[in-house]
mmCIF file of all heavy atoms, coordinates in Angstrom:
data_MODEL
# 
_entry.id   MODEL 
# 
loop_
_atom_site.group_PDB 
_atom_site.id 
_atom_site.type_symbol 
_atom_site.label_atom_id 
_atom_site.label_alt_id 
_atom_site.label_comp_id 
_atom_site.label_asym_id 
_atom_site.label_entity_id 
_atom_site.label_seq_id 
_atom_site.pdbx_PDB_ins_code 
_atom_site.Cartn_x 
_atom_site.Cartn_y 
_atom_site.Cartn_z 
_atom_site.occupancy 
_atom_site.B_iso_or_equiv 
_atom_site.pdbx_formal_charge 
_atom_site.auth_seq_id 
_atom_site.auth_comp_id 
_atom_site.auth_asym_id 
_atom_site.auth_atom_id 
_atom_site.pdbx_PDB_model_num 
ATOM 1   N N   . THR A 1 1  ? 18.789 14.029 -6.340  1.00 0.00 ? 1  THR A N   1 
ATOM 2   C CA  . THR A 1 1  ? 19.949 14.473 -7.119  1.00 0.00 ? 1  THR A CA  1 
ATOM 3   C C   . THR A 1 1  ? 19.596 14.838 -8.555  1.00 0.00 ? 1  THR A C   1 
ATOM 4   O O   . THR A 1 1  ? 20.388 15.458 -9.253  1.00 0.00 ? 1  THR A O   1 
ATOM 5   C CB  . THR A 1 1  ? 21.031 13.379 -7.142  1.00 0.00 ? 1  THR A CB  1 
ATOM 6   O OG1 . THR A 1 1  ? 20.496 12.199 -7.757  1.00 0.00 ? 1  THR A OG1 1 
ATOM 7   C CG2 . THR A 1 1  ? 21.478 13.039 -5.722  1.00 0.00 ? 1  THR A CG2 1 
ATOM 8   N N   . ASN A 1 2  ? 18.399 14.448 -8.995  1.00 0.00 ? 2  ASN A N   1 
ATOM 9   C CA  . ASN A 1 2  ? 18.005 14.705 -10.388 1.00 0.00 ? 2  ASN A CA  1 
ATOM 10  C C   . ASN A 1 2  ? 16.495 14.871 -10.434 1.00 0.00 ? 2  ASN A C   1 
ATOM 11  O O   . ASN A 1 2  ? 15.752 13.892 -10.353 1.00 0.00 ? 2  ASN A O   1 
ATOM 12  C CB  . ASN A 1 2  ? 18.453 13.549 -11.284 1.00 0.00 ? 2  ASN A CB  1 
ATOM 13  C CG  . ASN A 1 2  ? 18.114 13.778 -12.746 1.00 0.00 ? 2  ASN A CG  1 
ATOM 14  O OD1 . ASN A 1 2  ? 17.671 14.853 -13.134 1.00 0.00 ? 2  ASN A OD1 1 
ATOM 15  N ND2 . ASN A 1 2  ? 18.308 12.759 -13.564 1.00 0.00 ? 2  ASN A ND2 1 
ATOM 16  N N   . ASP A 1 3  ? 16.030 16.104 -10.574 1.00 0.00 ? 3  ASP A N   1 
ATOM 17  C CA  . ASP A 1 3  ? 14.594 16.376 -10.579 1.00 0.00 ? 3  ASP A CA  1 
ATOM 18  C C   . ASP A 1 3  ? 14.022 16.478 -11.986 1.00 0.00 ? 3  ASP A C   1 
ATOM 19  O O   . ASP A 1 3  ? 13.033 17.172 -12.221 1.00 0.00 ? 3  ASP A O   1 
ATOM 20  C CB  . ASP A 1 3  ? 14.294 17.655 -9.795  1.00 0.00 ? 3  ASP A CB  1 
ATOM 21  C CG  . ASP A 1 3  ? 14.940 18.883 -10.432 1.00 0.00 ? 3  ASP A CG  1 
ATOM 22  O OD1 . ASP A 1 3  ? 15.797 18.704 -11.321 1.00 0.00 ? 3  ASP A OD1 1 
ATOM 23  O OD2 . ASP A 1 3  ? 14.583 20.008 -10.029 1.00 0.00 ? 3  ASP A OD2 1 
ATOM 24  N N   . THR A 1 4  ? 14.640 15.777 -12.936 1.00 0.00 ? 4  THR A N   1 
ATOM 25  C CA  . THR A 1 4  ? 14.217 15.874 -14.336 1.00 0.00 ? 4  THR A CA  1 
ATOM 26  C C   . THR A 1 4  ? 12.765 15.466 -14.522 1.00 0.00 ? 4  THR A C   1 
ATOM 27  O O   . THR A 1 4  ? 12.037 16.085 -15.317 1.00 0.00 ? 4  THR A O   1 
ATOM 28  C CB  . THR A 1 4  ? 15.123 14.998 -15.224 1.00 0.00 ? 4  THR A CB  1 
ATOM 29  O OG1 . THR A 1 4  ? 16.485 15.337 -14.975 1.00 0.00 ? 4  THR A OG1 1 
ATOM 30  C CG2 . THR A 1 4  ? 14.817 15.224 -16.687 1.00 0.00 ? 4  THR A CG2 1 
ATOM 31  N N   . PHE A 1 5  ? 12.314 14.450 -13.827 1.00 0.00 ? 5  PHE A N   1 
ATOM 32  C CA  . PHE A 1 5  ? 10.938 13.974 -13.982 1.00 0.00 ? 5  PHE A CA  1 
ATOM 33  C C   . PHE A 1 5  ? 9.948  15.107 -13.703 1.00 0.00 ? 5  PHE A C   1 
ATOM 34  O O   . PHE A 1 5  ? 9.050  15.379 -14.499 1.00 0.00 ? 5  PHE A O   1 
ATOM 35  C CB  . PHE A 1 5  ? 10.703 12.789 -13.048 1.00 0.00 ? 5  PHE A CB  1 
ATOM 36  C CG  . PHE A 1 5  ? 9.324  12.202 -13.104 1.00 0.00 ? 5  PHE A CG  1 
ATOM 37  C CD1 . PHE A 1 5  ? 8.598  12.205 -14.277 1.00 0.00 ? 5  PHE A CD1 1 
ATOM 38  C CD2 . PHE A 1 5  ? 8.761  11.626 -11.972 1.00 0.00 ? 5  PHE A CD2 1 
ATOM 39  C CE1 . PHE A 1 5  ? 7.316  11.655 -14.333 1.00 0.00 ? 5  PHE A CE1 1 
ATOM 40  C CE2 . PHE A 1 5  ? 7.493  11.077 -12.016 1.00 0.00 ? 5  PHE A CE2 1 
ATOM 41  C CZ  . PHE A 1 5  ? 6.772  11.099 -13.193 1.00 0.00 ? 5  PHE A CZ  1 
ATOM 42  N N   . SER A 1 6  ? 10.126 15.781 -12.576 1.00 0.00 ? 6  SER A N   1 
ATOM 43  C CA  . SER A 1 6  ? 9.187  16.843 -12.203 1.00 0.00 ? 6  SER A CA  1 
ATOM 44  C C   . SER A 1 6  ? 9.368  18.091 -13.059 1.00 0.00 ? 6  SER A C   1 
ATOM 45  O O   . SER A 1 6  ? 8.466  18.934 -13.139 1.00 0.00 ? 6  SER A O   1 
ATOM 46  C CB  . SER A 1 6  ? 9.347  17.199 -10.722 1.00 0.00 ? 6  SER A CB  1 
ATOM 47  O OG  . SER A 1 6  ? 10.678 17.564 -10.421 1.00 0.00 ? 6  SER A OG  1 
ATOM 48  N N   . ARG A 1 7  ? 10.494 18.251 -13.732 1.00 0.00 ? 7  ARG A N   1 
ATOM 49  C CA  . ARG A 1 7  ? 10.702 19.399 -14.616 1.00 0.00 ? 7  ARG A CA  1 
ATOM 50  C C   . ARG A 1 7  ? 10.050 19.196 -15.982 1.00 0.00 ? 7  ARG A C   1 
ATOM 51  O O   . ARG A 1 7  ? 9.756  20.161 -16.684 1.00 0.00 ? 7  ARG A O   1 
ATOM 52  C CB  . ARG A 1 7  ? 12.197 19.681 -14.782 1.00 0.00 ? 7  ARG A CB  1 
ATOM 53  C CG  . ARG A 1 7  ? 12.824 20.331 -13.555 1.00 0.00 ? 7  ARG A CG  1 
ATOM 54  C CD  . ARG A 1 7  ? 14.214 20.849 -13.819 1.00 0.00 ? 7  ARG A CD  1 
ATOM 55  N NE  . ARG A 1 7  ? 15.212 19.779 -13.844 1.00 0.00 ? 7  ARG A NE  1 
ATOM 56  C CZ  . ARG A 1 7  ? 15.910 19.436 -14.916 1.00 0.00 ? 7  ARG A CZ  1 
ATOM 57  N NH1 . ARG A 1 7  ? 15.703 20.064 -16.054 1.00 0.00 ? 7  ARG A NH1 1 
ATOM 58  N NH2 . ARG A 1 7  ? 16.803 18.475 -14.858 1.00 0.00 ? 7  ARG A NH2 1 
ATOM 59  N N   . TYR A 1 8  ? 9.831  17.949 -16.383 1.00 0.00 ? 8  TYR A N   1 
ATOM 60  C CA  . TYR A 1 8  ? 9.231  17.668 -17.688 1.00 0.00 ? 8  TYR A CA  1 
ATOM 61  C C   . TYR A 1 8  ? 7.723  17.450 -17.604 1.00 0.00 ? 8  TYR A C   1 
ATOM 62  O O   . TYR A 1 8  ? 7.002  17.712 -18.562 1.00 0.00 ? 8  TYR A O   1 
ATOM 63  C CB  . TYR A 1 8  ? 9.860  16.422 -18.313 1.00 0.00 ? 8  TYR A CB  1 
ATOM 64  C CG  . TYR A 1 8  ? 11.148 16.689 -19.042 1.00 0.00 ? 8  TYR A CG  1 
ATOM 65  C CD1 . TYR A 1 8  ? 12.363 16.648 -18.381 1.00 0.00 ? 8  TYR A CD1 1 
ATOM 66  C CD2 . TYR A 1 8  ? 11.163 16.986 -20.397 1.00 0.00 ? 8  TYR A CD2 1 
ATOM 67  C CE1 . TYR A 1 8  ? 13.556 16.884 -19.043 1.00 0.00 ? 8  TYR A CE1 1 
ATOM 68  C CE2 . TYR A 1 8  ? 12.344 17.232 -21.074 1.00 0.00 ? 8  TYR A CE2 1 
ATOM 69  C CZ  . TYR A 1 8  ? 13.541 17.175 -20.389 1.00 0.00 ? 8  TYR A CZ  1 
ATOM 70  O OH  . TYR A 1 8  ? 14.724 17.419 -21.047 1.00 0.00 ? 8  TYR A OH  1 
ATOM 71  N N   . ILE A 1 9  ? 7.250  16.928 -16.500 1.00 0.00 ? 9  ILE A N   1 
ATOM 72  C CA  . ILE A 1 9  ? 5.848  16.554 -16.357 1.00 0.00 ? 9  ILE A CA  1 
ATOM 73  C C   . ILE A 1 9  ? 5.204  17.410 -15.271 1.00 0.00 ? 9  ILE A C   1 
ATOM 74  O O   . ILE A 1 9  ? 5.758  17.557 -14.174 1.00 0.00 ? 9  ILE A O   1 
ATOM 75  C CB  . ILE A 1 9  ? 5.704  15.053 -15.994 1.00 0.00 ? 9  ILE A CB  1 
ATOM 76  C CG1 . ILE A 1 9  ? 6.479  14.179 -16.991 1.00 0.00 ? 9  ILE A CG1 1 
ATOM 77  C CG2 . ILE A 1 9  ? 4.233  14.664 -15.959 1.00 0.00 ? 9  ILE A CG2 1 
ATOM 78  C CD1 . ILE A 1 9  ? 5.944  14.193 -18.399 1.00 0.00 ? 9  ILE A CD1 1 
ATOM 79  N N   . ASP A 1 10 ? 4.039  17.959 -15.580 1.00 0.00 ? 10 ASP A N   1 
ATOM 80  C CA  . ASP A 1 10 ? 3.327  18.778 -14.601 1.00 0.00 ? 10 ASP A CA  1 
ATOM 81  C C   . ASP A 1 10 ? 2.711  17.902 -13.500 1.00 0.00 ? 10 ASP A C   1 
ATOM 82  O O   . ASP A 1 10 ? 2.424  16.720 -13.711 1.00 0.00 ? 10 ASP A O   1 
ATOM 83  C CB  . ASP A 1 10 ? 2.218  19.576 -15.291 1.00 0.00 ? 10 ASP A CB  1 
ATOM 84  C CG  . ASP A 1 10 ? 2.757  20.574 -16.304 1.00 0.00 ? 10 ASP A CG  1 
ATOM 85  O OD1 . ASP A 1 10 ? 3.907  21.036 -16.102 1.00 0.00 ? 10 ASP A OD1 1 
ATOM 86  O OD2 . ASP A 1 10 ? 2.050  20.873 -17.288 1.00 0.00 ? 10 ASP A OD2 1 
ATOM 87  N N   . LYS A 1 11 ? 2.524  18.531 -12.345 1.00 0.00 ? 11 LYS A N   1 
ATOM 88  C CA  . LYS A 1 11 ? 1.819  17.909 -11.221 1.00 0.00 ? 11 LYS A CA  1 
ATOM 89  C C   . LYS A 1 11 ? 2.541  16.673 -10.693 1.00 0.00 ? 11 LYS A C   1 
ATOM 90  O O   . LYS A 1 11 ? 1.896  15.688 -10.282 1.00 0.00 ? 11 LYS A O   1 
ATOM 91  C CB  . LYS A 1 11 ? 0.380  17.572 -11.605 1.00 0.00 ? 11 LYS A CB  1 
ATOM 92  C CG  . LYS A 1 11 ? -0.442 18.794 -11.979 1.00 0.00 ? 11 LYS A CG  1 
ATOM 93  C CD  . LYS A 1 11 ? -1.878 18.422 -12.323 1.00 0.00 ? 11 LYS A CD  1 
ATOM 94  C CE  . LYS A 1 11 ? -2.680 19.676 -12.693 1.00 0.00 ? 11 LYS A CE  1 
ATOM 95  N NZ  . LYS A 1 11 ? -4.091 19.356 -13.040 1.00 0.00 ? 11 LYS A NZ  1 
ATOM 96  N N   . VAL A 1 12 ? 3.861  16.713 -10.718 1.00 0.00 ? 12 VAL A N   1 
ATOM 97  C CA  . VAL A 1 12 ? 4.651  15.661 -10.085 1.00 0.00 ? 12 VAL A CA  1 
ATOM 98  C C   . VAL A 1 12 ? 5.019  16.138 -8.686  1.00 0.00 ? 12 VAL A C   1 
ATOM 99  O O   . VAL A 1 12 ? 5.667  17.176 -8.530  1.00 0.00 ? 12 VAL A O   1 
ATOM 100 C CB  . VAL A 1 12 ? 5.925  15.336 -10.888 1.00 0.00 ? 12 VAL A CB  1 
ATOM 101 C CG1 . VAL A 1 12 ? 6.784  14.313 -10.145 1.00 0.00 ? 12 VAL A CG1 1 
ATOM 102 C CG2 . VAL A 1 12 ? 5.557  14.810 -12.271 1.00 0.00 ? 12 VAL A CG2 1 
ATOM 103 N N   . ALA A 1 13 ? 4.600  15.400 -7.677  1.00 0.00 ? 13 ALA A N   1 
ATOM 104 C CA  . ALA A 1 13 ? 4.839  15.809 -6.291  1.00 0.00 ? 13 ALA A CA  1 
ATOM 105 C C   . ALA A 1 13 ? 6.279  15.506 -5.893  1.00 0.00 ? 13 ALA A C   1 
ATOM 106 O O   . ALA A 1 13 ? 6.868  14.498 -6.320  1.00 0.00 ? 13 ALA A O   1 
ATOM 107 C CB  . ALA A 1 13 ? 3.875  15.091 -5.360  1.00 0.00 ? 13 ALA A CB  1 
ATOM 108 N N   . ARG A 1 14 ? 6.847  16.384 -5.078  1.00 0.00 ? 14 ARG A N   1 
ATOM 109 C CA  . ARG A 1 14 ? 8.180  16.196 -4.534  1.00 0.00 ? 14 ARG A CA  1 
ATOM 110 C C   . ARG A 1 14 ? 8.154  16.463 -3.038  1.00 0.00 ? 14 ARG A C   1 
ATOM 111 O O   . ARG A 1 14 ? 7.449  17.371 -2.574  1.00 0.00 ? 14 ARG A O   1 
ATOM 112 C CB  . ARG A 1 14 ? 9.187  17.137 -5.201  1.00 0.00 ? 14 ARG A CB  1 
ATOM 113 C CG  . ARG A 1 14 ? 9.648  16.692 -6.560  1.00 0.00 ? 14 ARG A CG  1 
ATOM 114 C CD  . ARG A 1 14 ? 10.670 17.644 -7.153  1.00 0.00 ? 14 ARG A CD  1 
ATOM 115 N NE  . ARG A 1 14 ? 11.898 17.697 -6.368  1.00 0.00 ? 14 ARG A NE  1 
ATOM 116 C CZ  . ARG A 1 14 ? 12.891 16.815 -6.477  1.00 0.00 ? 14 ARG A CZ  1 
ATOM 117 N NH1 . ARG A 1 14 ? 12.792 15.810 -7.319  1.00 0.00 ? 14 ARG A NH1 1 
ATOM 118 N NH2 . ARG A 1 14 ? 13.983 16.955 -5.755  1.00 0.00 ? 14 ARG A NH2 1 
ATOM 119 N N   . PRO A 1 15 ? 8.905  15.681 -2.270  1.00 0.00 ? 15 PRO A N   1 
ATOM 120 C CA  . PRO A 1 15 ? 8.946  15.934 -0.831  1.00 0.00 ? 15 PRO A CA  1 
ATOM 121 C C   . PRO A 1 15 ? 9.675  17.238 -0.544  1.00 0.00 ? 15 PRO A C   1 
ATOM 122 O O   . PRO A 1 15 ? 10.410 17.743 -1.405  1.00 0.00 ? 15 PRO A O   1 
ATOM 123 C CB  . PRO A 1 15 ? 9.718  14.732 -0.283  1.00 0.00 ? 15 PRO A CB  1 
ATOM 124 C CG  . PRO A 1 15 ? 10.554 14.272 -1.432  1.00 0.00 ? 15 PRO A CG  1 
ATOM 125 C CD  . PRO A 1 15 ? 9.748  14.550 -2.663  1.00 0.00 ? 15 PRO A CD  1 
ATOM 126 N N   . PRO A 1 16 ? 9.474  17.821 0.635   1.00 0.00 ? 16 PRO A N   1 
ATOM 127 C CA  . PRO A 1 16 ? 10.213 19.041 0.980   1.00 0.00 ? 16 PRO A CA  1 
ATOM 128 C C   . PRO A 1 16 ? 11.710 18.800 0.925   1.00 0.00 ? 16 PRO A C   1 
ATOM 129 O O   . PRO A 1 16 ? 12.189 17.679 1.153   1.00 0.00 ? 16 PRO A O   1 
ATOM 130 C CB  . PRO A 1 16 ? 9.752  19.335 2.423   1.00 0.00 ? 16 PRO A CB  1 
ATOM 131 C CG  . PRO A 1 16 ? 8.462  18.595 2.570   1.00 0.00 ? 16 PRO A CG  1 
ATOM 132 C CD  . PRO A 1 16 ? 8.568  17.385 1.706   1.00 0.00 ? 16 PRO A CD  1 
ATOM 133 N N   . GLU A 1 17 ? 12.451 19.850 0.559   1.00 0.00 ? 17 GLU A N   1 
ATOM 134 C CA  . GLU A 1 17 ? 13.900 19.738 0.499   1.00 0.00 ? 17 GLU A CA  1 
ATOM 135 C C   . GLU A 1 17 ? 14.438 19.446 1.891   1.00 0.00 ? 17 GLU A C   1 
ATOM 136 O O   . GLU A 1 17 ? 14.379 20.286 2.789   1.00 0.00 ? 17 GLU A O   1 
ATOM 137 C CB  . GLU A 1 17 ? 14.511 21.032 -0.052  1.00 0.00 ? 17 GLU A CB  1 
ATOM 138 C CG  . GLU A 1 17 ? 14.145 21.319 -1.500  1.00 0.00 ? 17 GLU A CG  1 
ATOM 139 C CD  . GLU A 1 17 ? 14.767 20.310 -2.465  1.00 0.00 ? 17 GLU A CD  1 
ATOM 140 O OE1 . GLU A 1 17 ? 15.784 19.674 -2.084  1.00 0.00 ? 17 GLU A OE1 1 
ATOM 141 O OE2 . GLU A 1 17 ? 14.238 20.141 -3.574  1.00 0.00 ? 17 GLU A OE2 1 
ATOM 142 N N   . THR A 1 18 ? 14.919 18.256 2.090   1.00 0.00 ? 18 THR A N   1 
ATOM 143 C CA  . THR A 1 18 ? 15.436 17.865 3.389   1.00 0.00 ? 18 THR A CA  1 
ATOM 144 C C   . THR A 1 18 ? 16.447 16.756 3.212   1.00 0.00 ? 18 THR A C   1 
ATOM 145 O O   . THR A 1 18 ? 16.377 15.981 2.252   1.00 0.00 ? 18 THR A O   1 
ATOM 146 C CB  . THR A 1 18 ? 14.313 17.400 4.332   1.00 0.00 ? 18 THR A CB  1 
ATOM 147 O OG1 . THR A 1 18 ? 14.875 16.960 5.571   1.00 0.00 ? 18 THR A OG1 1 
ATOM 148 C CG2 . THR A 1 18 ? 13.518 16.254 3.717   1.00 0.00 ? 18 THR A CG2 1 
ATOM 149 N N   . ILE A 1 19 ? 17.366 16.682 4.108   1.00 0.00 ? 19 ILE A N   1 
ATOM 150 C CA  . ILE A 1 19 ? 18.340 15.594 4.074   1.00 0.00 ? 19 ILE A CA  1 
ATOM 151 C C   . ILE A 1 19 ? 18.008 14.539 5.119   1.00 0.00 ? 19 ILE A C   1 
ATOM 152 O O   . ILE A 1 19 ? 18.774 13.601 5.326   1.00 0.00 ? 19 ILE A O   1 
ATOM 153 C CB  . ILE A 1 19 ? 19.766 16.134 4.300   1.00 0.00 ? 19 ILE A CB  1 
ATOM 154 C CG1 . ILE A 1 19 ? 19.864 16.843 5.673   1.00 0.00 ? 19 ILE A CG1 1 
ATOM 155 C CG2 . ILE A 1 19 ? 20.187 17.037 3.163   1.00 0.00 ? 19 ILE A CG2 1 
ATOM 156 C CD1 . ILE A 1 19 ? 21.282 17.263 6.039   1.00 0.00 ? 19 ILE A CD1 1 
ATOM 157 N N   . ASP A 1 20 ? 16.858 14.719 5.772   1.00 0.00 ? 20 ASP A N   1 
ATOM 158 C CA  . ASP A 1 20 ? 16.455 13.782 6.823   1.00 0.00 ? 20 ASP A CA  1 
ATOM 159 C C   . ASP A 1 20 ? 15.734 12.592 6.187   1.00 0.00 ? 20 ASP A C   1 
ATOM 160 O O   . ASP A 1 20 ? 14.610 12.738 5.690   1.00 0.00 ? 20 ASP A O   1 
ATOM 161 C CB  . ASP A 1 20 ? 15.539 14.494 7.817   1.00 0.00 ? 20 ASP A CB  1 
ATOM 162 C CG  . ASP A 1 20 ? 15.196 13.617 9.017   1.00 0.00 ? 20 ASP A CG  1 
ATOM 163 O OD1 . ASP A 1 20 ? 15.601 12.444 9.017   1.00 0.00 ? 20 ASP A OD1 1 
ATOM 164 O OD2 . ASP A 1 20 ? 14.524 14.108 9.940   1.00 0.00 ? 20 ASP A OD2 1 
ATOM 165 N N   . PRO A 1 21 ? 16.328 11.425 6.178   1.00 0.00 ? 21 PRO A N   1 
ATOM 166 C CA  . PRO A 1 21 ? 15.670 10.258 5.577   1.00 0.00 ? 21 PRO A CA  1 
ATOM 167 C C   . PRO A 1 21 ? 14.340 9.936  6.241   1.00 0.00 ? 21 PRO A C   1 
ATOM 168 O O   . PRO A 1 21 ? 13.422 9.425  5.579   1.00 0.00 ? 21 PRO A O   1 
ATOM 169 C CB  . PRO A 1 21 ? 16.687 9.135  5.780   1.00 0.00 ? 21 PRO A CB  1 
ATOM 170 C CG  . PRO A 1 21 ? 17.997 9.816  5.973   1.00 0.00 ? 21 PRO A CG  1 
ATOM 171 C CD  . PRO A 1 21 ? 17.676 11.096 6.671   1.00 0.00 ? 21 PRO A CD  1 
ATOM 172 N N   . ALA A 1 22 ? 14.210 10.231 7.522   1.00 0.00 ? 22 ALA A N   1 
ATOM 173 C CA  . ALA A 1 22 ? 12.963 9.935  8.216   1.00 0.00 ? 22 ALA A CA  1 
ATOM 174 C C   . ALA A 1 22 ? 11.812 10.757 7.662   1.00 0.00 ? 22 ALA A C   1 
ATOM 175 O O   . ALA A 1 22 ? 10.678 10.272 7.535   1.00 0.00 ? 22 ALA A O   1 
ATOM 176 C CB  . ALA A 1 22 ? 13.123 10.191 9.717   1.00 0.00 ? 22 ALA A CB  1 
ATOM 177 N N   . MET A 1 23 ? 12.104 12.023 7.288   1.00 0.00 ? 23 MET A N   1 
ATOM 178 C CA  . MET A 1 23 ? 11.064 12.864 6.721   1.00 0.00 ? 23 MET A CA  1 
ATOM 179 C C   . MET A 1 23 ? 10.650 12.362 5.333   1.00 0.00 ? 23 MET A C   1 
ATOM 180 O O   . MET A 1 23 ? 9.464  12.368 4.986   1.00 0.00 ? 23 MET A O   1 
ATOM 181 C CB  . MET A 1 23 ? 11.559 14.299 6.627   1.00 0.00 ? 23 MET A CB  1 
ATOM 182 C CG  . MET A 1 23 ? 11.723 14.980 7.984   1.00 0.00 ? 23 MET A CG  1 
ATOM 183 S SD  . MET A 1 23 ? 10.148 15.106 8.871   1.00 0.00 ? 23 MET A SD  1 
ATOM 184 C CE  . MET A 1 23 ? 9.244  16.211 7.795   1.00 0.00 ? 23 MET A CE  1 
ATOM 185 N N   . SER A 1 24 ? 11.623 11.931 4.534   1.00 0.00 ? 24 SER A N   1 
ATOM 186 C CA  . SER A 1 24 ? 11.298 11.384 3.213   1.00 0.00 ? 24 SER A CA  1 
ATOM 187 C C   . SER A 1 24 ? 10.456 10.130 3.335   1.00 0.00 ? 24 SER A C   1 
ATOM 188 O O   . SER A 1 24 ? 9.512  9.912  2.558   1.00 0.00 ? 24 SER A O   1 
ATOM 189 C CB  . SER A 1 24 ? 12.585 11.087 2.438   1.00 0.00 ? 24 SER A CB  1 
ATOM 190 O OG  . SER A 1 24 ? 13.311 12.264 2.179   1.00 0.00 ? 24 SER A OG  1 
ATOM 191 N N   . LEU A 1 25 ? 10.767 9.311  4.321   1.00 0.00 ? 25 LEU A N   1 
ATOM 192 C CA  . LEU A 1 25 ? 10.007 8.080  4.540   1.00 0.00 ? 25 LEU A CA  1 
ATOM 193 C C   . LEU A 1 25 ? 8.574  8.414  4.940   1.00 0.00 ? 25 LEU A C   1 
ATOM 194 O O   . LEU A 1 25 ? 7.619  7.792  4.453   1.00 0.00 ? 25 LEU A O   1 
ATOM 195 C CB  . LEU A 1 25 ? 10.686 7.232  5.608   1.00 0.00 ? 25 LEU A CB  1 
ATOM 196 C CG  . LEU A 1 25 ? 9.976  5.937  5.997   1.00 0.00 ? 25 LEU A CG  1 
ATOM 197 C CD1 . LEU A 1 25 ? 9.826  5.022  4.794   1.00 0.00 ? 25 LEU A CD1 1 
ATOM 198 C CD2 . LEU A 1 25 ? 10.741 5.227  7.114   1.00 0.00 ? 25 LEU A CD2 1 
ATOM 199 N N   . LYS A 1 26 ? 8.420  9.384  5.801   1.00 0.00 ? 26 LYS A N   1 
ATOM 200 C CA  . LYS A 1 26 ? 7.074  9.775  6.237   1.00 0.00 ? 26 LYS A CA  1 
ATOM 201 C C   . LYS A 1 26 ? 6.274  10.331 5.063   1.00 0.00 ? 26 LYS A C   1 
ATOM 202 O O   . LYS A 1 26 ? 5.078  10.061 4.924   1.00 0.00 ? 26 LYS A O   1 
ATOM 203 C CB  . LYS A 1 26 ? 7.179  10.812 7.355   1.00 0.00 ? 26 LYS A CB  1 
ATOM 204 C CG  . LYS A 1 26 ? 5.855  11.163 8.003   1.00 0.00 ? 26 LYS A CG  1 
ATOM 205 C CD  . LYS A 1 26 ? 6.063  12.087 9.196   1.00 0.00 ? 26 LYS A CD  1 
ATOM 206 C CE  . LYS A 1 26 ? 4.744  12.382 9.900   1.00 0.00 ? 26 LYS A CE  1 
ATOM 207 N NZ  . LYS A 1 26 ? 4.940  13.268 11.081  1.00 0.00 ? 26 LYS A NZ  1 
ATOM 208 N N   . TRP A 1 27 ? 6.946  11.097 4.213   1.00 0.00 ? 27 TRP A N   1 
ATOM 209 C CA  . TRP A 1 27 ? 6.277  11.671 3.043   1.00 0.00 ? 27 TRP A CA  1 
ATOM 210 C C   . TRP A 1 27 ? 5.808  10.568 2.099   1.00 0.00 ? 27 TRP A C   1 
ATOM 211 O O   . TRP A 1 27 ? 4.670  10.590 1.609   1.00 0.00 ? 27 TRP A O   1 
ATOM 212 C CB  . TRP A 1 27 ? 7.240  12.616 2.332   1.00 0.00 ? 27 TRP A CB  1 
ATOM 213 C CG  . TRP A 1 27 ? 6.634  13.423 1.237   1.00 0.00 ? 27 TRP A CG  1 
ATOM 214 C CD1 . TRP A 1 27 ? 6.027  14.638 1.344   1.00 0.00 ? 27 TRP A CD1 1 
ATOM 215 C CD2 . TRP A 1 27 ? 6.577  13.060 -0.149  1.00 0.00 ? 27 TRP A CD2 1 
ATOM 216 N NE1 . TRP A 1 27 ? 5.595  15.076 0.117   1.00 0.00 ? 27 TRP A NE1 1 
ATOM 217 C CE2 . TRP A 1 27 ? 5.920  14.130 -0.828  1.00 0.00 ? 27 TRP A CE2 1 
ATOM 218 C CE3 . TRP A 1 27 ? 7.011  11.966 -0.883  1.00 0.00 ? 27 TRP A CE3 1 
ATOM 219 C CZ2 . TRP A 1 27 ? 5.695  14.113 -2.197  1.00 0.00 ? 27 TRP A CZ2 1 
ATOM 220 C CZ3 . TRP A 1 27 ? 6.771  11.952 -2.252  1.00 0.00 ? 27 TRP A CZ3 1 
ATOM 221 C CH2 . TRP A 1 27 ? 6.123  13.012 -2.901  1.00 0.00 ? 27 TRP A CH2 1 
ATOM 222 N N   . LEU A 1 28 ? 6.667  9.590  1.824   1.00 0.00 ? 28 LEU A N   1 
ATOM 223 C CA  . LEU A 1 28 ? 6.290  8.479  0.951   1.00 0.00 ? 28 LEU A CA  1 
ATOM 224 C C   . LEU A 1 28 ? 5.166  7.665  1.578   1.00 0.00 ? 28 LEU A C   1 
ATOM 225 O O   . LEU A 1 28 ? 4.241  7.221  0.881   1.00 0.00 ? 28 LEU A O   1 
ATOM 226 C CB  . LEU A 1 28 ? 7.501  7.581  0.682   1.00 0.00 ? 28 LEU A CB  1 
ATOM 227 C CG  . LEU A 1 28 ? 7.244  6.332  -0.170  1.00 0.00 ? 28 LEU A CG  1 
ATOM 228 C CD1 . LEU A 1 28 ? 6.722  6.716  -1.551  1.00 0.00 ? 28 LEU A CD1 1 
ATOM 229 C CD2 . LEU A 1 28 ? 8.505  5.487  -0.291  1.00 0.00 ? 28 LEU A CD2 1 
ATOM 230 N N   . ASP A 1 29 ? 5.221  7.472  2.881   1.00 0.00 ? 29 ASP A N   1 
ATOM 231 C CA  . ASP A 1 29 ? 4.178  6.726  3.591   1.00 0.00 ? 29 ASP A CA  1 
ATOM 232 C C   . ASP A 1 29 ? 2.816  7.366  3.349   1.00 0.00 ? 29 ASP A C   1 
ATOM 233 O O   . ASP A 1 29 ? 1.828  6.685  3.023   1.00 0.00 ? 29 ASP A O   1 
ATOM 234 C CB  . ASP A 1 29 ? 4.520  6.683  5.082   1.00 0.00 ? 29 ASP A CB  1 
ATOM 235 C CG  . ASP A 1 29 ? 3.585  5.780  5.865   1.00 0.00 ? 29 ASP A CG  1 
ATOM 236 O OD1 . ASP A 1 29 ? 2.394  6.150  6.001   1.00 0.00 ? 29 ASP A OD1 1 
ATOM 237 O OD2 . ASP A 1 29 ? 4.032  4.730  6.360   1.00 0.00 ? 29 ASP A OD2 1 
ATOM 238 N N   . ARG A 1 30 ? 2.749  8.683  3.495   1.00 0.00 ? 30 ARG A N   1 
ATOM 239 C CA  . ARG A 1 30 ? 1.477  9.381  3.310   1.00 0.00 ? 30 ARG A CA  1 
ATOM 240 C C   . ARG A 1 30 ? 1.023  9.336  1.845   1.00 0.00 ? 30 ARG A C   1 
ATOM 241 O O   . ARG A 1 30 ? -0.174 9.197  1.566   1.00 0.00 ? 30 ARG A O   1 
ATOM 242 C CB  . ARG A 1 30 ? 1.615  10.830 3.772   1.00 0.00 ? 30 ARG A CB  1 
ATOM 243 C CG  . ARG A 1 30 ? 1.739  10.978 5.293   1.00 0.00 ? 30 ARG A CG  1 
ATOM 244 C CD  . ARG A 1 30 ? 1.856  12.433 5.693   1.00 0.00 ? 30 ARG A CD  1 
ATOM 245 N NE  . ARG A 1 30 ? 1.887  12.572 7.151   1.00 0.00 ? 30 ARG A NE  1 
ATOM 246 C CZ  . ARG A 1 30 ? 2.027  13.740 7.775   1.00 0.00 ? 30 ARG A CZ  1 
ATOM 247 N NH1 . ARG A 1 30 ? 2.155  14.866 7.058   1.00 0.00 ? 30 ARG A NH1 1 
ATOM 248 N NH2 . ARG A 1 30 ? 2.042  13.793 9.092   1.00 0.00 ? 30 ARG A NH2 1 
# 
């Protein structure tokens, strides 16, 4: 809901735009 961190600091990784919690969990796991 707020991507301010990645807009101020370079090289901040973000998961793909998805509403699937399972995909976000898999991304964080990796």
